[in-house]
Amino acid sequence: MNTIDAIRARRAVKSYDPTHRMSGEEVTELLSLALLSPTAFNLQHWRFVVVDEPALRQQIRQVAWNQAQVTDASLLLILCADLKAWEKSPERYWRNAPAEVQAFMLPAIDQYYRGKEQTQRDEAMRSCGIAAQTLMLAAKSLGYDSCPMDGFDSAAVGQLIHLPEDHVIAMFVAIGKRTQDAWPRPGQLSLGEVMISNRFGSL
């Protein structure tokens, strides 16, 4: 399936075949594709928690509005973000760049993030969102459906997965074989409603 077809066909599917299993190779391929997603300053903030313990999935479902896809999807990923990725050996993100690029980027990273907690969070969340879309389109291309999820108690899930203090949970992505189609698209806004030419009105 090409990218345009995957974009058009991708839907947030809620019902999955709980007996279907993805191979280790398929999971590795999906995550390897997600690693190619762009991030600010190439920080790669994302951390992908692959939840494959049935008992843990059940516990997470209880704090995720009892949503069935948490336990029934073939793959449950919890996309987390390392808020302090910018200060954890940042030279590794640019190790293959020319020396003059490294000399510019490393101080720029520090200047951009240090002391700016909101910026740290915003950039990490943006990175996870981009990675999630990569995962969902890749899954569709491989014949799977997916569901992005934010209906859960973040603090409770954090405790269950032993989330480090300098990390946050951005979202879940459930991936698997659907047993029911998604609802028809409920009401997409027209391009005219969402596209602004240059600026929002006049002052």
C-alpha atoms as a PDB file:
ATOM      1  CA  MET A   1       0.000   0.000   0.000  1.00  0.00           C
ATOM      2  CA  ASN A   2       1.444   3.386  -0.930  1.00  0.00           C
ATOM      3  CA  THR A   3       1.566   6.289   1.500  1.00  0.00           C
ATOM      4  CA  ILE A   4      -1.406   8.200   0.070  1.00  0.00           C
ATOM      5  CA  ASP A   5      -3.612   5.099   0.210  1.00  0.00           C
ATOM      6  CA  ALA A   6      -2.485   4.392   3.783  1.00  0.00           C
ATOM      7  CA  ILE A   7      -3.393   7.940   4.838  1.00  0.00           C
ATOM      8  CA  ARG A   8      -6.845   7.604   3.281  1.00  0.00           C
ATOM      9  CA  ALA A   9      -7.470   4.131   4.711  1.00  0.00           C
ATOM     10  CA  ARG A  10      -6.160   4.681   8.229  1.00  0.00           C
ATOM     11  CA  ARG A  11      -8.896   4.884  10.869  1.00  0.00           C
ATOM     12  CA  ALA A  12      -9.019   4.665  14.661  1.00  0.00           C
ATOM     13  CA  VAL A  13     -10.196   1.068  15.039  1.00  0.00           C
ATOM     14  CA  LYS A  14     -11.560  -0.030  18.409  1.00  0.00           C
ATOM     15  CA  SER A  15     -12.244  -3.768  17.947  1.00  0.00           C
ATOM     16  CA  TYR A  16      -9.422  -6.282  17.480  1.00  0.00           C
ATOM     17  CA  ASP A  17      -8.947 -10.022  17.231  1.00  0.00           C
ATOM     18  CA  PRO A  18      -7.470 -10.952  20.637  1.00  0.00           C
ATOM     19  CA  THR A  19      -6.148 -14.264  19.279  1.00  0.00           C
ATOM     20  CA  HIS A  20      -3.955 -12.688  16.605  1.00  0.00           C
ATOM     21  CA  ARG A  21      -0.245 -12.427  17.295  1.00  0.00           C
ATOM     22  CA  MET A  22       2.253 -10.273  15.475  1.00  0.00           C
ATOM     23  CA  SER A  23       5.668 -11.755  14.822  1.00  0.00           C
ATOM     24  CA  GLY A  24       8.750 -10.354  16.464  1.00  0.00           C
ATOM     25  CA  GLU A  25       9.994  -9.366  13.025  1.00  0.00           C
ATOM     26  CA  GLU A  26       6.841  -7.324  12.372  1.00  0.00           C
ATOM     27  CA  VAL A  27       7.137  -5.494  15.680  1.00  0.00           C
ATOM     28  CA  THR A  28      10.799  -4.768  15.033  1.00  0.00           C
ATOM     29  CA  GLU A  29       9.989  -3.471  11.560  1.00  0.00           C
ATOM     30  CA  LEU A  30       7.294  -1.122  12.881  1.00  0.00           C
ATOM     31  CA  LEU A  31       9.520   0.283  15.605  1.00  0.00           C
ATOM     32  CA  SER A  32      12.463   0.606  13.225  1.00  0.00           C
ATOM     33  CA  LEU A  33      10.301   2.688  10.904  1.00  0.00           C
ATOM     34  CA  ALA A  34       9.178   4.835  13.837  1.00  0.00           C
ATOM     35  CA  LEU A  35      12.833   5.572  14.582  1.00  0.00           C
ATOM     36  CA  LEU A  36      13.042   7.369  11.249  1.00  0.00           C
ATOM     37  CA  SER A  37      10.539  10.007  12.412  1.00  0.00           C
ATOM     38  CA  PRO A  38      11.889  13.551  12.706  1.00  0.00           C
ATOM     39  CA  THR A  39      12.574  15.209  16.052  1.00  0.00           C
ATOM     40  CA  ALA A  40      13.782  18.674  17.020  1.00  0.00           C
ATOM     41  CA  PHE A  41      17.586  18.762  17.181  1.00  0.00           C
ATOM     42  CA  ASN A  42      17.500  15.012  16.429  1.00  0.00           C
ATOM     43  CA  LEU A  43      16.955  14.341  20.151  1.00  0.00           C
ATOM     44  CA  GLN A  44      14.764  11.261  19.551  1.00  0.00           C
ATOM     45  CA  HIS A  45      12.839  11.878  22.771  1.00  0.00           C
ATOM     46  CA  TRP A  46      10.552   8.897  22.272  1.00  0.00           C
ATOM     47  CA  ARG A  47      10.674   5.729  24.322  1.00  0.00           C
ATOM     48  CA  PHE A  48       8.390   2.904  23.168  1.00  0.00           C
ATOM     49  CA  VAL A  49       7.097   0.679  25.970  1.00  0.00           C
ATOM     50  CA  VAL A  50       5.966  -2.596  24.391  1.00  0.00           C
ATOM     51  CA  VAL A  51       3.410  -4.091  26.769  1.00  0.00           C
ATOM     52  CA  ASP A  52       3.163  -7.830  26.149  1.00  0.00           C
ATOM     53  CA  GLU A  53       2.414  -9.159  29.641  1.00  0.00           C
ATOM     54  CA  PRO A  54      -1.309 -10.099  29.693  1.00  0.00           C
ATOM     55  CA  ALA A  55      -1.696  -9.311  33.392  1.00  0.00           C
ATOM     56  CA  LEU A  56      -0.138  -5.876  32.960  1.00  0.00           C
ATOM     57  CA  ARG A  57      -2.396  -5.193  29.992  1.00  0.00           C
ATOM     58  CA  GLN A  58      -5.399  -6.011  32.148  1.00  0.00           C
ATOM     59  CA  GLN A  59      -4.206  -3.624  34.843  1.00  0.00           C
ATOM     60  CA  ILE A  60      -3.677  -0.879  32.277  1.00  0.00           C
ATOM     61  CA  ARG A  61      -7.140  -1.497  30.819  1.00  0.00           C
ATOM     62  CA  GLN A  62      -8.678  -0.863  34.234  1.00  0.00           C
ATOM     63  CA  VAL A  63      -7.167   2.641  34.324  1.00  0.00           C
ATOM     64  CA  ALA A  64      -7.870   3.295  30.642  1.00  0.00           C
ATOM     65  CA  TRP A  65     -11.674   3.548  30.774  1.00  0.00           C
ATOM     66  CA  ASN A  66     -11.880  -0.239  30.275  1.00  0.00           C
ATOM     67  CA  GLN A  67     -11.164   0.189  26.580  1.00  0.00           C
ATOM     68  CA  ALA A  68     -11.017  -3.236  24.942  1.00  0.00           C
ATOM     69  CA  GLN A  69      -8.228  -2.423  22.513  1.00  0.00           C
ATOM     70  CA  VAL A  70      -5.777  -2.230  25.423  1.00  0.00           C
ATOM     71  CA  THR A  71      -6.012  -5.990  25.915  1.00  0.00           C
ATOM     72  CA  ASP A  72      -7.300  -7.178  22.533  1.00  0.00           C
ATOM     73  CA  ALA A  73      -4.903  -5.508  20.088  1.00  0.00           C
ATOM     74  CA  SER A  74      -1.928  -7.557  18.977  1.00  0.00           C
ATOM     75  CA  LEU A  75       0.465  -4.808  20.016  1.00  0.00           C
ATOM     76  CA  LEU A  76       0.103  -2.152  22.712  1.00  0.00           C
ATOM     77  CA  LEU A  77       2.694   0.596  22.653  1.00  0.00           C
ATOM     78  CA  ILE A  78       2.946   3.285  25.308  1.00  0.00           C
ATOM     79  CA  LEU A  79       4.729   6.235  23.774  1.00  0.00           C
ATOM     80  CA  CYS A  80       6.727   8.025  26.446  1.00  0.00           C
ATOM     81  CA  ALA A  81       9.017  11.007  26.165  1.00  0.00           C
ATOM     82  CA  ASP A  82      12.318  11.654  27.905  1.00  0.00           C
ATOM     83  CA  LEU A  83      12.050  15.318  28.885  1.00  0.00           C
ATOM     84  CA  LYS A  84      15.754  15.496  29.636  1.00  0.00           C
ATOM     85  CA  ALA A  85      17.018  13.872  26.451  1.00  0.00           C
ATOM     86  CA  TRP A  86      18.565  17.232  25.547  1.00  0.00           C
ATOM     87  CA  GLU A  87      21.126  16.995  28.358  1.00  0.00           C
ATOM     88  CA  LYS A  88      21.881  13.266  28.282  1.00  0.00           C
ATOM     89  CA  SER A  89      25.087  13.021  26.243  1.00  0.00           C
ATOM     90  CA  PRO A  90      23.707  15.131  23.389  1.00  0.00           C
ATOM     91  CA  GLU A  91      26.864  14.598  21.357  1.00  0.00           C
ATOM     92  CA  ARG A  92      25.570  11.100  20.467  1.00  0.00           C
ATOM     93  CA  TYR A  93      22.723  12.607  18.429  1.00  0.00           C
ATOM     94  CA  TRP A  94      25.243  14.302  16.136  1.00  0.00           C
ATOM     95  CA  ARG A  95      28.152  11.865  16.232  1.00  0.00           C
ATOM     96  CA  ASN A  96      28.078  11.311  12.460  1.00  0.00           C
ATOM     97  CA  ALA A  97      27.856  14.998  11.561  1.00  0.00           C
ATOM     98  CA  PRO A  98      30.848  17.078  10.437  1.00  0.00           C
ATOM     99  CA  ALA A  99      32.823  18.707  13.251  1.00  0.00           C
ATOM    100  CA  GLU A 100      31.609  22.195  12.349  1.00  0.00           C
ATOM    101  CA  VAL A 101      27.972  21.036  12.565  1.00  0.00           C
ATOM    102  CA  GLN A 102      28.581  19.472  15.961  1.00  0.00           C
ATOM    103  CA  ALA A 103      30.275  22.658  17.153  1.00  0.00           C
ATOM    104  CA  PHE A 104      27.127  24.601  16.260  1.00  0.00           C
ATOM    105  CA  MET A 105      24.404  22.135  17.285  1.00  0.00           C
ATOM    106  CA  LEU A 106      25.573  21.101  20.755  1.00  0.00           C
ATOM    107  CA  PRO A 107      25.606  24.627  22.244  1.00  0.00           C
ATOM    108  CA  ALA A 108      22.352  25.379  20.400  1.00  0.00           C
ATOM    109  CA  ILE A 109      20.644  22.412  22.071  1.00  0.00           C
ATOM    110  CA  ASP A 110      21.675  23.620  25.494  1.00  0.00           C
ATOM    111  CA  GLN A 111      20.579  27.176  24.804  1.00  0.00           C
ATOM    112  CA  TYR A 112      17.217  26.084  23.417  1.00  0.00           C
ATOM    113  CA  TYR A 113      16.233  23.776  26.293  1.00  0.00           C
ATOM    114  CA  ARG A 114      18.035  24.733  29.491  1.00  0.00           C
ATOM    115  CA  GLY A 115      15.680  26.212  32.069  1.00  0.00           C
ATOM    116  CA  LYS A 116      12.679  25.964  29.700  1.00  0.00           C
ATOM    117  CA  GLU A 117      10.505  23.188  31.070  1.00  0.00           C
ATOM    118  CA  GLN A 118       7.507  24.020  28.893  1.00  0.00           C
ATOM    119  CA  THR A 119       9.663  23.894  25.775  1.00  0.00           C
ATOM    120  CA  GLN A 120      11.121  20.568  26.879  1.00  0.00           C
ATOM    121  CA  ARG A 121       7.626  19.128  27.253  1.00  0.00           C
ATOM    122  CA  ASP A 122       6.224  20.681  24.074  1.00  0.00           C
ATOM    123  CA  GLU A 123       9.038  19.377  21.893  1.00  0.00           C
ATOM    124  CA  ALA A 124       8.910  15.912  23.435  1.00  0.00           C
ATOM    125  CA  MET A 125       5.142  15.678  22.891  1.00  0.00           C
ATOM    126  CA  ARG A 126       5.486  16.844  19.299  1.00  0.00           C
ATOM    127  CA  SER A 127       8.111  14.191  18.680  1.00  0.00           C
ATOM    128  CA  CYS A 128       5.889  11.449  20.089  1.00  0.00           C
ATOM    129  CA  GLY A 129       2.955  12.634  17.991  1.00  0.00           C
ATOM    130  CA  ILE A 130       5.000  12.449  14.808  1.00  0.00           C
ATOM    131  CA  ALA A 131       6.302   8.988  15.744  1.00  0.00           C
ATOM    132  CA  ALA A 132       2.754   7.814  16.466  1.00  0.00           C
ATOM    133  CA  GLN A 133       1.588   8.841  13.007  1.00  0.00           C
ATOM    134  CA  THR A 134       4.569   7.044  11.466  1.00  0.00           C
ATOM    135  CA  LEU A 135       3.621   3.900  13.402  1.00  0.00           C
ATOM    136  CA  MET A 136      -0.022   4.058  12.341  1.00  0.00           C
ATOM    137  CA  LEU A 137       0.719   4.601   8.660  1.00  0.00           C
ATOM    138  CA  ALA A 138       3.379   1.884   8.691  1.00  0.00           C
ATOM    139  CA  ALA A 139       0.933  -0.482  10.391  1.00  0.00           C
ATOM    140  CA  LYS A 140      -1.689   0.221   7.737  1.00  0.00           C
ATOM    141  CA  SER A 141       0.857  -0.404   4.997  1.00  0.00           C
ATOM    142  CA  LEU A 142       1.610  -3.798   6.587  1.00  0.00           C
ATOM    143  CA  GLY A 143      -2.072  -4.765   6.682  1.00  0.00           C
ATOM    144  CA  TYR A 144      -2.822  -3.810  10.285  1.00  0.00           C
ATOM    145  CA  ASP A 145      -5.158  -1.292  11.853  1.00  0.00           C
ATOM    146  CA  SER A 146      -4.428   0.989  14.771  1.00  0.00           C
ATOM    147  CA  CYS A 147      -5.870   3.301  17.374  1.00  0.00           C
ATOM    148  CA  PRO A 148      -4.187   6.323  18.978  1.00  0.00           C
ATOM    149  CA  MET A 149      -5.302   6.606  22.599  1.00  0.00           C
ATOM    150  CA  ASP A 150      -5.241   9.275  25.277  1.00  0.00           C
ATOM    151  CA  GLY A 151      -8.126   8.033  27.440  1.00  0.00           C
ATOM    152  CA  PHE A 152      -6.228   6.811  30.483  1.00  0.00           C
ATOM    153  CA  ASP A 153      -5.028   7.853  33.920  1.00  0.00           C
ATOM    154  CA  SER A 154      -1.450   8.925  33.203  1.00  0.00           C
ATOM    155  CA  ALA A 155      -0.334   8.765  36.824  1.00  0.00           C
ATOM    156  CA  ALA A 156      -1.727   5.256  37.301  1.00  0.00           C
ATOM    157  CA  VAL A 157      -0.209   3.983  34.059  1.00  0.00           C
ATOM    158  CA  GLY A 158       3.088   5.599  35.005  1.00  0.00           C
ATOM    159  CA  GLN A 159       3.122   3.635  38.244  1.00  0.00           C
ATOM    160  CA  LEU A 160       2.322   0.384  36.468  1.00  0.00           C
ATOM    161  CA  ILE A 161       5.182   0.759  33.982  1.00  0.00           C
ATOM    162  CA  HIS A 162       7.621   2.317  36.481  1.00  0.00           C
ATOM    163  CA  LEU A 163       7.889   5.524  34.472  1.00  0.00           C
ATOM    164  CA  PRO A 164      11.069   7.477  35.346  1.00  0.00           C
ATOM    165  CA  GLU A 165      10.503  10.883  36.959  1.00  0.00           C
ATOM    166  CA  ASP A 166      11.973  12.763  34.005  1.00  0.00           C
ATOM    167  CA  HIS A 167       9.654  11.055  31.498  1.00  0.00           C
ATOM    168  CA  VAL A 168       6.026  11.678  30.548  1.00  0.00           C
ATOM    169  CA  ILE A 169       3.458   9.515  28.795  1.00  0.00           C
ATOM    170  CA  ALA A 170       2.317  11.033  25.521  1.00  0.00           C
ATOM    171  CA  MET A 171      -0.181   8.451  24.278  1.00  0.00           C
ATOM    172  CA  PHE A 172      -0.884   4.795  23.511  1.00  0.00           C
ATOM    173  CA  VAL A 173      -0.963   3.242  20.070  1.00  0.00           C
ATOM    174  CA  ALA A 174      -2.831  -0.068  19.744  1.00  0.00           C
ATOM    175  CA  ILE A 175      -2.153  -2.117  16.609  1.00  0.00           C
ATOM    176  CA  GLY A 176      -3.751  -5.329  15.385  1.00  0.00           C
ATOM    177  CA  LYS A 177      -6.269  -7.109  13.174  1.00  0.00           C
ATOM    178  CA  ARG A 178      -9.647  -5.441  13.298  1.00  0.00           C
ATOM    179  CA  THR A 179     -12.848  -7.414  13.831  1.00  0.00           C
ATOM    180  CA  GLN A 180     -15.148  -4.476  13.129  1.00  0.00           C
ATOM    181  CA  ASP A 181     -14.808  -1.549  10.785  1.00  0.00           C
ATOM    182  CA  ALA A 182     -14.500   1.948  12.171  1.00  0.00           C
ATOM    183  CA  TRP A 183     -17.572   4.157  12.029  1.00  0.00           C
ATOM    184  CA  PRO A 184     -17.951   6.234   8.885  1.00  0.00           C
ATOM    185  CA  ARG A 185     -16.002   9.450   9.172  1.00  0.00           C
ATOM    186  CA  PRO A 186     -18.250  11.514  11.454  1.00  0.00           C
ATOM    187  CA  GLY A 187     -17.758  14.972  10.009  1.00  0.00           C
ATOM    188  CA  GLN A 188     -14.529  16.203   8.505  1.00  0.00           C
ATOM    189  CA  LEU A 189     -14.216  19.970   8.302  1.00  0.00           C
ATOM    190  CA  SER A 190     -13.783  21.395   4.855  1.00  0.00           C
ATOM    191  CA  LEU A 191     -10.399  22.602   3.699  1.00  0.00           C
ATOM    192  CA  GLY A 192     -11.857  26.098   3.551  1.00  0.00           C
ATOM    193  CA  GLU A 193     -12.551  26.012   7.294  1.00  0.00           C
ATOM    194  CA  VAL A 194      -9.064  24.987   8.340  1.00  0.00           C
ATOM    195  CA  MET A 195      -6.760  26.623   5.781  1.00  0.00           C
ATOM    196  CA  ILE A 196      -5.809  30.197   6.577  1.00  0.00           C
ATOM    197  CA  SER A 197      -4.103  32.327   3.959  1.00  0.00           C
ATOM    198  CA  ASN A 198      -1.181  34.120   5.585  1.00  0.00           C
ATOM    199  CA  ARG A 199      -2.908  35.425   8.732  1.00  0.00           C
ATOM    200  CA  PHE A 200      -6.082  35.231  10.814  1.00  0.00           C
ATOM    201  CA  GLY A 201      -8.178  38.169   9.583  1.00  0.00           C
ATOM    202  CA  SER A 202      -7.239  41.799  10.089  1.00  0.00           C
ATOM    203  CA  LEU A 203      -6.389  43.686  13.253  1.00  0.00           C
END
